[in-house]
Amino acid sequence: MQLPDWFSKTPPHGTAPIDTVLVAFPDVYGRLMGKRLTYDHFVDVVLDGGTHACNYLLTVDIEMHPQLGFSLASWDKGYGDFHMVVDLDTLRPTPWAPGSALVLCDLYHEDHTPLAQAPRTVLKRQLERLAAQNLKANMASELEFFMFEEDYREAQMSSHRDLMPSSDYLIDYHLLSTERDEDVMRRLREEMGQAGVVIEGSKGEWGKGQHELNLLYAEALEMADRHVVFKHGTKVIAQQQGRSITFMAKWRTEDAGSSCHIHSSLWDTDADTAAFVTGDQPSELFSKFLGGLLAHGRELSYCFAPTVNSYKRYQSESWAPTAMAWAHDNRTTGFRVVGSGSSLRIENRMPGADVNPYLAYAATIAAGLRGVEGGLDCGPAYKGNAYVDKSLERLPDSLADAARLLDGSELAHEAFGAEVVEFYVHTAKLESEAARRQVTDWERARYFERV
């Protein structure tokens, strides 16, 4: 494997020497898990031979507690290892951690077969289906988040109550009030680019201390990798600046939600041309792909909204969608079509900022391909306010509903495989049940005295 010039203990002048390598993989929540290795051990052993990690890492809850009922890993099976195999194409510097580099891995069983449930594998299998039709998918994530004056330790010590947003009023497109956050935002724009996560720009969003950064589009796997590196690096940079950032879909009842709008388009790999247009008009393939998203997006909603909190974002007149409909440049629908010519693309507005991009991109491709293969048509564009139209099919109300829909989805079983569907349905049910058992502040305030 050929290593880039900058990746060296004695790099060219002006480049920091590398002494540490973060070897990572995305877990079911889209977090980066892994190890920090010395440069020499990575080059001498792991680069070609890979490394290992405990397979419980895909079957824990977000608190890292092992969960029961998984066939992949369990106490009964002794929680063995899986094999982490380096994807050298993902090697990148981490400017927020000078002297370090990061590389992503694919997960394999000890018999060297791919681990089907691993998020990166789920996406790669859908990309293989596209490639068989001489197509590729370009994607882009628009990530929103809230920033606070407290760092993560301070936020945790206060039980995440009474946090001070980095602005005092809604800052959507405001240049003056967002200036106070430039200590963080400038670093994000610059250092992400140095890490190969190309940023188009940033802006204030429709919340106190809420920001959006747009990641420049890329091929789907590369974009998903950039997405998870971006979230990881953003939290590190915020902490270094004495701040905290949350990617919760709905961090507080009174505030707007944080979305991750996903833009997608298909390209013909033989001709290297946009497949969503014929001449200057939307193509038949575009109509069928969008038709597949409309027909099957709801049953795959877990892939777009993977937490209990995700569904609290779906509220009327909140800039988040509530209905399965498409329209041209209409922010009340689940799917918004934007651009023209080779830039024509579908904006999926269902995902929140808590989304796992590998699953969301995989679901987008699976639903769209079903539309193409089944000859589905997207129908005419919706006109009007989708929030108030009771004739439209609504998005699921809860994670429990999403788990039920995924479990019953013939498309999911065919596209992802039964073992993958079973794995994620069980993950969703465990999270839903954990939330159901909790007694909340809202319940105490409402019922303590009055029942």
Protein backbone atom coordinates (compact mmCIF):
# COMPACT_ATOMS: atom_id res chain seq x y z
CA MET A 1 0.00 0.00 0.00
CA GLN A 2 1.38 3.41 -1.01
CA LEU A 3 1.36 5.93 1.83
CA PRO A 4 1.02 9.68 1.15
CA ASP A 5 4.06 11.91 1.71
CA TRP A 6 2.49 13.76 4.65
CA PHE A 7 1.99 10.50 6.55
CA SER A 8 5.48 10.15 7.97
CA LYS A 9 7.52 10.50 11.14
CA THR A 10 9.83 12.71 9.05
CA PRO A 11 7.49 14.46 6.59
CA PRO A 12 8.37 17.19 4.09
CA HIS A 13 9.16 20.61 5.52
CA GLY A 14 6.11 22.40 6.89
CA THR A 15 4.16 19.24 7.71
CA ALA A 16 3.87 17.97 11.28
CA PRO A 17 5.36 14.51 11.92
CA ILE A 18 2.82 11.77 12.58
CA ASP A 19 3.26 9.73 15.75
CA THR A 20 -0.30 8.49 16.40
CA VAL A 21 -2.91 6.83 14.18
CA LEU A 22 -6.59 6.62 15.10
CA VAL A 23 -7.87 3.33 13.66
CA ALA A 24 -11.66 3.61 13.68
CA PHE A 25 -14.97 2.24 12.47
CA PRO A 26 -18.49 3.73 12.65
CA ASP A 27 -20.82 2.00 15.11
CA VAL A 28 -24.60 1.72 14.84
CA TYR A 29 -24.99 5.28 16.16
CA GLY A 30 -22.52 6.70 13.65
CA ARG A 31 -19.86 7.25 16.32
CA LEU A 32 -16.21 6.53 15.64
CA MET A 33 -14.93 3.65 17.76
CA GLY A 34 -11.42 2.25 17.72
CA LYS A 35 -7.87 2.63 18.99
CA ARG A 36 -4.93 5.01 18.99
CA LEU A 37 -1.85 3.22 17.69
CA THR A 38 1.76 4.25 17.43
CA TYR A 39 2.93 5.15 13.96
CA ASP A 40 5.37 2.23 13.84
CA HIS A 41 2.87 -0.40 14.95
CA PHE A 42 0.33 0.84 12.42
CA VAL A 43 2.81 0.75 9.53
CA ASP A 44 4.53 -2.50 10.51
CA VAL A 45 1.50 -4.56 11.55
CA VAL A 46 -1.95 -3.02 11.14
CA LEU A 47 -1.66 -1.45 7.69
CA ASP A 48 -1.57 -4.85 6.00
CA GLY A 49 -2.73 -7.19 8.76
CA GLY A 50 -5.51 -5.17 10.36
CA THR A 51 -6.36 -5.21 14.03
CA HIS A 52 -9.13 -6.52 16.28
CA ALA A 53 -11.83 -5.21 18.58
CA CYS A 54 -14.50 -6.84 20.72
CA ASN A 55 -17.67 -7.59 18.77
CA TYR A 56 -19.79 -6.31 21.64
CA LEU A 57 -19.17 -2.82 20.25
CA LEU A 58 -22.05 -3.23 17.78
CA THR A 59 -24.47 -4.59 20.39
CA VAL A 60 -24.14 -2.04 23.19
CA ASP A 61 -26.53 0.78 23.92
CA ILE A 62 -25.30 4.34 23.64
CA GLU A 63 -24.11 4.14 27.27
CA MET A 64 -21.86 1.18 26.30
CA HIS A 65 -23.88 -1.39 28.24
CA PRO A 66 -24.06 -4.83 26.52
CA GLN A 67 -27.60 -5.58 25.35
CA LEU A 68 -29.23 -9.01 25.26
CA GLY A 69 -30.95 -10.74 22.37
CA PHE A 70 -28.47 -10.24 19.53
CA SER A 71 -27.38 -13.18 17.41
CA LEU A 72 -24.23 -11.33 16.34
CA ALA A 73 -22.61 -11.18 19.78
CA SER A 74 -23.63 -12.24 23.28
CA TRP A 75 -22.46 -13.47 26.66
CA ASP A 76 -23.37 -16.99 25.51
CA LYS A 77 -20.94 -16.65 22.61
CA GLY A 78 -18.27 -15.14 24.85
CA TYR A 79 -18.08 -11.77 23.09
CA GLY A 80 -15.21 -12.55 20.74
CA ASP A 81 -13.42 -10.23 18.33
CA PHE A 82 -14.09 -8.97 14.88
CA HIS A 83 -11.34 -8.03 12.44
CA MET A 84 -10.78 -4.36 11.52
CA VAL A 85 -9.34 -4.06 8.00
CA VAL A 86 -7.87 -0.70 7.02
CA ASP A 87 -9.33 1.23 4.07
CA LEU A 88 -6.28 3.30 3.13
CA ASP A 89 -8.39 5.57 0.92
CA THR A 90 -9.81 7.04 4.15
CA LEU A 91 -6.44 7.98 5.69
CA ARG A 92 -6.43 11.65 6.59
CA PRO A 93 -4.69 14.12 8.93
CA THR A 94 -6.59 15.43 11.94
CA PRO A 95 -5.58 19.10 12.28
CA TRP A 96 -7.44 19.36 15.59
CA ALA A 97 -5.00 16.74 16.95
CA PRO A 98 -1.54 17.65 15.59
CA GLY A 99 0.70 14.65 15.11
CA SER A 100 -2.26 12.33 14.58
CA ALA A 101 -3.93 10.77 11.56
CA LEU A 102 -7.19 8.87 11.23
CA VAL A 103 -8.12 5.90 9.08
CA LEU A 104 -11.42 4.04 8.81
CA CYS A 105 -11.81 0.28 8.73
CA ASP A 106 -14.25 -2.29 7.44
CA LEU A 107 -15.34 -5.03 9.82
CA TYR A 108 -14.96 -8.75 9.14
CA HIS A 109 -15.70 -11.94 11.00
CA GLU A 110 -12.73 -14.04 12.01
CA ASP A 111 -13.38 -16.23 8.94
CA HIS A 112 -12.72 -13.11 6.81
CA THR A 113 -16.32 -12.69 5.64
CA PRO A 114 -17.72 -9.14 5.82
CA LEU A 115 -19.79 -8.32 8.88
CA ALA A 116 -23.14 -7.64 7.23
CA GLN A 117 -24.56 -5.57 10.10
CA ALA A 118 -21.69 -3.05 10.13
CA PRO A 119 -23.04 0.29 8.85
CA ARG A 120 -20.24 0.73 6.33
CA THR A 121 -20.92 -2.73 4.91
CA VAL A 122 -24.66 -2.01 4.67
CA LEU A 123 -23.93 1.00 2.46
CA LYS A 124 -21.26 -0.73 0.36
CA ARG A 125 -23.69 -3.49 -0.58
CA GLN A 126 -26.19 -0.97 -1.91
CA LEU A 127 -23.43 0.75 -3.87
CA GLU A 128 -22.59 -2.62 -5.42
CA ARG A 129 -26.20 -2.88 -6.59
CA LEU A 130 -25.89 0.55 -8.21
CA ALA A 131 -22.57 -0.33 -9.83
CA ALA A 132 -24.16 -3.41 -11.41
CA GLN A 133 -26.38 -0.98 -13.32
CA ASN A 134 -23.45 1.28 -14.25
CA LEU A 135 -24.60 3.91 -11.78
CA LYS A 136 -23.07 5.70 -8.83
CA ALA A 137 -24.64 7.95 -6.20
CA ASN A 138 -23.38 11.36 -5.21
CA MET A 139 -24.51 12.54 -1.79
CA ALA A 140 -24.17 15.59 0.42
CA SER A 141 -25.03 16.12 4.09
CA GLU A 142 -26.25 19.43 5.48
CA LEU A 143 -25.64 19.18 9.21
CA GLU A 144 -27.18 21.43 11.84
CA PHE A 145 -26.23 21.65 15.51
CA PHE A 146 -26.61 23.80 18.62
CA MET A 147 -23.59 25.36 20.33
CA PHE A 148 -23.36 26.18 24.04
CA GLU A 149 -21.03 28.23 26.23
CA GLU A 150 -20.41 25.27 28.56
CA ASP A 151 -17.97 22.51 27.66
CA TYR A 152 -19.10 18.88 27.70
CA ARG A 153 -18.00 18.20 31.27
CA GLU A 154 -19.80 21.31 32.55
CA ALA A 155 -22.92 20.39 30.57
CA GLN A 156 -22.91 16.91 32.04
CA MET A 157 -22.36 18.17 35.60
CA SER A 158 -25.47 20.34 35.25
CA SER A 159 -27.46 17.36 33.92
CA HIS A 160 -27.72 19.33 30.66
CA ARG A 161 -30.08 21.84 32.31
CA ASP A 162 -29.96 25.63 32.06
CA LEU A 163 -27.30 25.57 29.37
CA MET A 164 -26.43 28.90 27.76
CA PRO A 165 -26.79 28.88 23.97
CA SER A 166 -24.07 30.76 22.15
CA SER A 167 -26.60 33.37 21.00
CA ASP A 168 -29.56 35.06 22.65
CA TYR A 169 -32.01 35.01 19.74
CA LEU A 170 -32.73 33.20 16.47
CA ILE A 171 -29.72 33.64 14.22
CA ASP A 172 -30.86 32.31 10.84
CA TYR A 173 -28.54 33.91 8.25
CA HIS A 174 -27.39 36.52 10.82
CA LEU A 175 -23.82 37.65 10.21
CA LEU A 176 -23.47 39.87 13.28
CA SER A 177 -24.57 37.47 16.00
CA THR A 178 -22.74 34.49 14.49
CA GLU A 179 -19.48 36.43 14.70
CA ARG A 180 -19.18 35.51 18.37
CA ASP A 181 -18.92 31.83 17.40
CA GLU A 182 -16.18 32.29 14.84
CA ASP A 183 -13.57 30.91 17.24
CA VAL A 184 -15.23 27.55 16.62
CA MET A 185 -16.77 27.98 13.18
CA ARG A 186 -13.63 29.28 11.48
CA ARG A 187 -11.68 26.31 12.82
CA LEU A 188 -14.38 23.96 11.52
CA ARG A 189 -14.34 25.44 8.03
CA GLU A 190 -10.56 25.44 7.80
CA GLU A 191 -9.52 22.30 9.66
CA MET A 192 -12.21 20.10 8.14
CA GLY A 193 -10.92 21.04 4.70
CA GLN A 194 -7.39 20.11 5.77
CA ALA A 195 -8.79 16.73 6.87
CA GLY A 196 -10.35 16.14 3.46
CA VAL A 197 -13.87 17.04 4.60
CA VAL A 198 -14.61 19.80 2.13
CA ILE A 199 -16.93 22.47 3.51
CA GLU A 200 -18.94 24.81 1.29
CA GLY A 201 -19.71 27.25 4.09
CA SER A 202 -21.57 27.87 7.32
CA LYS A 203 -24.54 29.95 8.40
CA GLY A 204 -26.68 30.65 11.40
CA GLU A 205 -29.85 28.57 11.68
CA TRP A 206 -33.37 29.03 13.06
CA GLY A 207 -32.45 28.55 16.70
CA LYS A 208 -30.51 30.19 19.51
CA GLY A 209 -26.92 29.11 18.98
CA GLN A 210 -27.87 26.91 16.04
CA HIS A 211 -25.56 26.61 13.04
CA GLU A 212 -25.45 24.74 9.75
CA LEU A 213 -22.43 23.57 7.79
CA ASN A 214 -22.81 22.25 4.27
CA LEU A 215 -20.46 19.47 3.22
CA LEU A 216 -19.54 19.52 -0.47
CA TYR A 217 -21.05 16.55 -2.30
CA ALA A 218 -19.01 13.43 -2.98
CA GLU A 219 -19.51 9.79 -3.92
CA ALA A 220 -21.77 8.18 -1.33
CA LEU A 221 -19.22 6.14 0.66
CA GLU A 222 -16.73 9.00 0.72
CA MET A 223 -19.49 11.37 1.83
CA ALA A 224 -20.60 9.08 4.65
CA ASP A 225 -16.98 8.80 5.81
CA ARG A 226 -16.62 12.59 5.73
CA HIS A 227 -19.87 12.94 7.66
CA VAL A 228 -18.74 10.83 10.63
CA VAL A 229 -15.28 12.41 10.66
CA PHE A 230 -16.94 15.84 10.63
CA LYS A 231 -19.11 15.06 13.65
CA HIS A 232 -16.16 13.62 15.55
CA GLY A 233 -13.86 16.54 14.79
CA THR A 234 -16.56 19.12 15.47
CA LYS A 235 -17.02 17.88 19.02
CA VAL A 236 -13.27 17.82 19.61
CA ILE A 237 -12.83 21.38 18.35
CA ALA A 238 -15.78 22.65 20.38
CA GLN A 239 -14.36 21.07 23.54
CA GLN A 240 -10.94 22.59 22.84
CA GLN A 241 -12.61 26.01 22.63
CA GLY A 242 -14.44 25.50 25.93
CA ARG A 243 -17.78 24.92 24.21
CA SER A 244 -20.13 22.03 23.58
CA ILE A 245 -22.14 21.11 20.50
CA THR A 246 -25.10 18.76 20.22
CA PHE A 247 -26.35 16.92 17.16
CA MET A 248 -29.57 15.83 18.89
CA ALA A 249 -32.51 16.00 16.50
CA LYS A 250 -34.49 17.97 19.09
CA TRP A 251 -32.38 19.16 21.99
CA ARG A 252 -35.16 21.09 23.77
CA THR A 253 -38.94 21.24 23.42
CA GLU A 254 -39.01 25.00 22.88
CA ASP A 255 -36.30 25.08 20.20
CA ALA A 256 -36.15 24.09 16.57
CA GLY A 257 -34.88 20.67 15.65
CA SER A 258 -31.53 20.03 14.00
CA SER A 259 -31.71 18.35 10.63
CA CYS A 260 -29.36 16.57 8.31
CA HIS A 261 -30.87 17.14 4.89
CA ILE A 262 -29.40 14.62 2.46
CA HIS A 263 -28.96 15.57 -1.19
CA SER A 264 -28.68 12.72 -3.68
CA SER A 265 -28.21 12.28 -7.40
CA LEU A 266 -27.30 9.36 -9.65
CA TRP A 267 -24.60 9.40 -12.30
CA ASP A 268 -23.92 7.15 -15.28
CA THR A 269 -20.45 5.69 -14.67
CA ASP A 270 -19.87 4.80 -18.34
CA ALA A 271 -20.62 8.25 -19.73
CA ASP A 272 -19.80 10.18 -16.52
CA THR A 273 -23.01 12.13 -16.95
CA ALA A 274 -25.89 13.00 -14.66
CA ALA A 275 -28.52 10.26 -14.84
CA PHE A 276 -31.27 12.41 -13.34
CA VAL A 277 -31.60 14.50 -16.51
CA THR A 278 -32.19 13.91 -20.19
CA GLY A 279 -31.20 17.04 -22.03
CA ASP A 280 -32.36 19.76 -19.68
CA GLN A 281 -35.37 17.85 -18.33
CA PRO A 282 -35.73 15.39 -15.43
CA SER A 283 -35.17 11.86 -16.70
CA GLU A 284 -37.43 8.84 -16.39
CA LEU A 285 -34.88 7.36 -13.99
CA PHE A 286 -35.22 10.45 -11.78
CA SER A 287 -38.99 10.08 -11.65
CA LYS A 288 -38.78 6.39 -10.77
CA PHE A 289 -36.05 6.88 -8.16
CA LEU A 290 -38.07 9.61 -6.47
CA GLY A 291 -41.15 7.40 -6.77
CA GLY A 292 -39.32 4.70 -4.84
CA LEU A 293 -38.44 7.13 -2.06
CA LEU A 294 -42.06 8.22 -1.77
CA ALA A 295 -43.37 4.66 -1.78
CA HIS A 296 -40.82 3.16 0.61
CA GLY A 297 -39.24 5.98 2.59
CA ARG A 298 -41.71 5.60 5.43
CA GLU A 299 -40.98 1.91 6.02
CA LEU A 300 -37.25 2.71 6.08
CA SER A 301 -37.70 5.67 8.44
CA TYR A 302 -35.54 4.05 11.13
CA CYS A 303 -32.57 4.58 8.79
CA PHE A 304 -33.36 8.31 8.71
CA ALA A 305 -34.53 8.73 12.31
CA PRO A 306 -32.72 6.21 14.56
CA THR A 307 -33.39 7.50 18.08
CA VAL A 308 -36.37 8.15 20.34
CA ASN A 309 -35.52 11.84 20.14
CA SER A 310 -35.60 11.83 16.31
CA TYR A 311 -39.40 11.75 16.17
CA LYS A 312 -39.85 14.81 18.40
CA ARG A 313 -38.41 16.86 15.56
CA TYR A 314 -41.34 16.03 13.25
CA GLN A 315 -43.67 18.90 14.15
CA SER A 316 -45.88 21.15 12.07
CA GLU A 317 -44.45 24.51 11.02
CA SER A 318 -41.04 23.61 12.43
CA TRP A 319 -39.08 23.35 9.14
CA ALA A 320 -39.00 19.57 9.68
CA PRO A 321 -41.28 17.43 7.48
CA THR A 322 -44.36 15.59 8.66
CA ALA A 323 -45.69 14.21 5.35
CA MET A 324 -44.55 11.91 2.55
CA ALA A 325 -44.72 14.21 -0.46
CA TRP A 326 -42.37 15.84 -2.93
CA ALA A 327 -42.28 19.32 -4.37
CA HIS A 328 -40.07 21.79 -6.14
CA ASP A 329 -38.32 24.01 -3.59
CA ASN A 330 -40.99 23.52 -0.90
CA ARG A 331 -39.76 23.11 2.67
CA THR A 332 -43.01 21.62 4.00
CA THR A 333 -42.60 18.28 2.20
CA GLY A 334 -40.47 15.25 3.02
CA PHE A 335 -38.65 15.47 -0.31
CA ARG A 336 -37.63 18.73 -1.96
CA VAL A 337 -36.31 18.79 -5.52
CA VAL A 338 -33.70 21.46 -6.19
CA GLY A 339 -31.20 22.36 -8.88
CA SER A 340 -31.36 21.97 -12.64
CA GLY A 341 -29.41 20.27 -15.37
CA SER A 342 -26.56 18.18 -13.98
CA SER A 343 -27.13 19.68 -10.52
CA LEU A 344 -30.72 18.36 -10.29
CA ARG A 345 -31.00 16.46 -7.03
CA ILE A 346 -33.39 15.19 -4.39
CA GLU A 347 -33.20 16.67 -0.91
CA ASN A 348 -34.44 14.18 1.67
CA ARG A 349 -35.63 16.28 4.62
CA MET A 350 -36.52 13.34 6.88
CA PRO A 351 -33.14 12.83 8.60
CA GLY A 352 -32.19 14.69 11.74
CA ALA A 353 -28.64 15.53 12.79
CA ASP A 354 -28.55 12.31 14.83
CA VAL A 355 -28.67 10.19 11.67
CA ASN A 356 -26.16 7.46 10.86
CA PRO A 357 -25.18 8.48 7.30
CA TYR A 358 -24.29 4.96 6.16
CA LEU A 359 -27.77 3.69 6.95
CA ALA A 360 -29.49 6.79 5.57
CA TYR A 361 -27.60 6.67 2.29
CA ALA A 362 -28.16 2.91 2.02
CA ALA A 363 -31.90 3.35 2.59
CA THR A 364 -32.05 6.16 0.03
CA ILE A 365 -30.44 3.94 -2.60
CA ALA A 366 -32.50 0.87 -1.70
CA ALA A 367 -35.80 2.75 -1.90
CA GLY A 368 -34.81 4.58 -5.06
CA LEU A 369 -33.67 1.41 -6.81
CA ARG A 370 -36.94 -0.30 -5.94
CA GLY A 371 -38.67 2.57 -7.69
CA VAL A 372 -36.45 2.17 -10.74
CA GLU A 373 -36.85 -1.61 -10.88
CA GLY A 374 -40.59 -1.47 -10.21
CA GLY A 375 -41.32 1.34 -12.64
CA LEU A 376 -42.77 3.59 -9.94
CA ASP A 377 -43.54 7.18 -10.82
CA CYS A 378 -43.26 10.12 -8.46
CA GLY A 379 -46.43 11.73 -9.79
CA PRO A 380 -46.96 15.48 -10.00
CA ALA A 381 -45.19 17.82 -7.61
CA TYR A 382 -47.14 18.78 -4.52
CA LYS A 383 -48.26 22.39 -4.28
CA GLY A 384 -49.23 24.08 -1.04
CA ASN A 385 -48.66 23.56 2.66
CA ALA A 386 -48.02 19.88 3.37
CA TYR A 387 -48.24 20.49 7.11
CA VAL A 388 -52.01 20.99 6.97
CA ASP A 389 -52.96 18.54 4.20
CA LYS A 390 -54.64 15.59 5.96
CA SER A 391 -54.74 13.54 2.75
CA LEU A 392 -50.98 12.99 2.79
CA GLU A 393 -49.34 9.98 4.40
CA ARG A 394 -47.63 11.04 7.61
CA LEU A 395 -44.19 10.15 8.90
CA PRO A 396 -44.02 7.68 11.82
CA ASP A 397 -44.69 9.11 15.28
CA SER A 398 -42.13 7.10 17.23
CA LEU A 399 -39.11 4.84 17.13
CA ALA A 400 -41.36 1.93 18.07
CA ASP A 401 -43.49 2.60 14.97
CA ALA A 402 -40.36 2.83 12.82
CA ALA A 403 -39.09 -0.51 14.17
CA ARG A 404 -42.42 -2.15 13.36
CA LEU A 405 -42.38 -0.75 9.82
CA LEU A 406 -38.80 -1.86 9.22
CA ASP A 407 -39.55 -5.33 10.54
CA GLY A 408 -42.45 -5.68 8.12
CA SER A 409 -40.65 -4.20 5.12
CA GLU A 410 -40.25 -6.67 2.28
CA LEU A 411 -37.94 -4.17 0.60
CA ALA A 412 -35.64 -3.97 3.64
CA HIS A 413 -35.38 -7.75 3.87
CA GLU A 414 -34.58 -8.06 0.18
CA ALA A 415 -32.15 -5.14 -0.04
CA PHE A 416 -30.33 -5.48 3.29
CA GLY A 417 -30.87 -9.13 4.19
CA ALA A 418 -32.83 -10.69 7.03
CA GLU A 419 -29.93 -10.71 9.51
CA VAL A 420 -29.35 -6.98 9.01
CA VAL A 421 -33.03 -6.12 9.42
CA GLU A 422 -33.32 -8.31 12.52
CA PHE A 423 -30.25 -6.64 14.01
CA TYR A 424 -31.48 -3.05 13.55
CA VAL A 425 -35.08 -3.82 14.51
CA HIS A 426 -33.79 -5.29 17.77
CA THR A 427 -31.55 -2.25 18.30
CA ALA A 428 -34.53 0.08 17.81
CA LYS A 429 -36.81 -1.93 20.08
CA LEU A 430 -34.24 -1.93 22.89
CA GLU A 431 -33.80 1.84 22.66
CA SER A 432 -37.54 2.42 22.52
CA GLU A 433 -38.15 0.22 25.55
CA ALA A 434 -35.36 1.93 27.51
CA ALA A 435 -37.04 5.29 26.91
CA ARG A 436 -40.49 3.94 27.77
CA ARG A 437 -39.32 2.98 31.25
CA GLN A 438 -37.97 6.43 32.11
CA VAL A 439 -39.85 8.83 34.39
CA THR A 440 -39.28 12.32 32.99
CA ASP A 441 -39.18 15.84 34.39
CA TRP A 442 -42.30 16.58 32.35
CA GLU A 443 -44.20 13.81 34.13
CA ARG A 444 -43.13 15.00 37.57
CA ALA A 445 -44.09 18.60 36.82
CA ARG A 446 -47.45 17.53 35.42
CA TYR A 447 -48.53 14.82 37.84
CA PHE A 448 -46.60 15.17 41.14
CA GLU A 449 -49.31 17.19 42.90
CA ARG A 450 -52.32 16.96 40.63
CA VAL A 451 -53.12 13.25 40.45
